[in-house]
């Protein structure tokens, strides 16, 4: 029974791509997209950062899933979490 419960939980899990934007005004978290797997979510995040780096000449990579822009005055990072976790601290 325990194995069945773990399997059914895994099948229902959705991964959410979140954007964390940090500025001098503070941090904001925004849910962007849902994905069936963590790998799909991370691949999308990486592609999104690559696209932004190509489109905005002042954007600088801060890692595979993040960038800074406007001379470092703003930073964004894309993070993937299971749908059971809210990085804003709220319980789902």
Protein backbone atom coordinates (compact mmCIF):
# COMPACT_ATOMS: atom_id res chain seq x y z
CA UNK A 1 0.00 0.00 0.00
CA UNK A 2 2.83 2.42 0.83
CA UNK A 3 4.44 1.89 -2.61
CA UNK A 4 1.08 2.56 -4.31
CA UNK A 5 0.64 5.80 -2.38
CA UNK A 6 4.17 6.96 -3.32
CA UNK A 7 3.55 6.11 -6.98
CA UNK A 8 0.21 7.89 -7.10
CA UNK A 9 1.74 10.96 -5.43
CA UNK A 10 4.59 11.00 -7.96
CA UNK A 11 2.14 10.78 -10.84
CA UNK A 12 0.18 13.79 -9.63
CA UNK A 13 3.22 16.01 -9.07
CA UNK A 14 3.54 19.04 -11.33
CA UNK A 15 6.62 21.23 -11.49
CA UNK A 16 6.14 25.00 -11.45
CA UNK A 17 8.63 27.41 -12.99
CA UNK A 18 8.92 30.45 -10.73
CA UNK A 19 10.62 33.75 -11.47
CA UNK A 20 12.33 35.49 -8.58
CA UNK A 21 13.09 39.14 -9.39
CA UNK A 22 15.32 41.06 -7.00
CA UNK A 23 15.69 44.84 -7.06
CA UNK A 24 16.49 47.52 -4.51
CA UNK A 25 12.75 47.49 -3.73
CA UNK A 26 12.82 43.83 -2.66
CA UNK A 27 12.10 40.39 -4.07
CA UNK A 28 9.03 39.19 -5.93
CA UNK A 29 8.08 35.65 -6.86
CA UNK A 30 5.85 34.87 -9.84
CA UNK A 31 4.65 31.44 -11.01
CA UNK A 32 5.16 31.22 -14.78
CA UNK A 33 4.46 27.75 -16.24
CA UNK A 34 3.67 24.16 -15.23
CA UNK A 35 5.67 21.14 -16.41
CA UNK A 36 5.23 17.38 -16.01
CA UNK A 37 8.88 16.85 -14.99
CA UNK A 38 11.63 18.79 -13.26
CA UNK A 39 13.89 18.25 -16.29
CA UNK A 40 11.32 19.85 -18.61
CA UNK A 41 11.05 22.80 -16.23
CA UNK A 42 14.81 23.32 -15.96
CA UNK A 43 15.31 22.98 -19.73
CA UNK A 44 12.68 25.66 -20.32
CA UNK A 45 14.28 27.94 -17.72
CA UNK A 46 17.69 27.58 -19.36
CA UNK A 47 16.25 28.32 -22.81
CA UNK A 48 14.45 31.37 -21.42
CA UNK A 49 17.66 32.77 -19.91
CA UNK A 50 19.54 32.12 -23.16
CA UNK A 51 16.83 34.00 -25.09
CA UNK A 52 16.98 36.99 -22.72
CA UNK A 53 20.77 37.13 -22.96
CA UNK A 54 20.52 37.24 -26.75
CA UNK A 55 17.77 39.88 -26.81
CA UNK A 56 19.13 42.28 -24.17
CA UNK A 57 22.71 43.42 -24.65
CA UNK A 58 23.05 44.63 -21.06
CA UNK A 59 21.90 41.31 -19.55
CA UNK A 60 24.61 39.21 -17.91
CA UNK A 61 24.32 35.56 -16.90
CA UNK A 62 24.45 34.90 -13.15
CA UNK A 63 24.20 31.15 -13.58
CA UNK A 64 22.43 28.69 -15.85
CA UNK A 65 19.00 29.86 -14.67
CA UNK A 66 19.55 33.52 -13.88
CA UNK A 67 20.67 36.89 -15.15
CA UNK A 68 21.20 40.48 -14.10
CA UNK A 69 20.14 43.49 -16.13
CA UNK A 70 20.20 47.30 -16.01
CA UNK A 71 23.80 47.41 -14.83
CA UNK A 72 23.10 44.88 -12.10
CA UNK A 73 20.23 46.89 -10.61
CA UNK A 74 17.84 44.00 -11.21
CA UNK A 75 18.39 40.26 -11.03
CA UNK A 76 16.10 37.44 -12.07
CA UNK A 77 16.37 33.74 -11.48
CA UNK A 78 14.14 30.95 -12.72
CA UNK A 79 13.55 28.15 -10.23
CA UNK A 80 11.55 24.93 -10.47
CA UNK A 81 9.60 23.66 -7.49
CA UNK A 82 6.99 20.93 -7.06
CA UNK A 83 3.43 22.23 -7.03
CA UNK A 84 3.25 21.43 -3.32
CA UNK A 85 5.79 24.17 -2.50
CA UNK A 86 5.26 27.92 -2.67
CA UNK A 87 8.51 29.93 -2.32
CA UNK A 88 6.52 32.93 -1.06
CA UNK A 89 5.99 31.00 2.17
CA UNK A 90 2.33 30.18 1.65
CA UNK A 91 1.09 26.68 2.24
CA UNK A 92 -0.60 25.06 -0.76
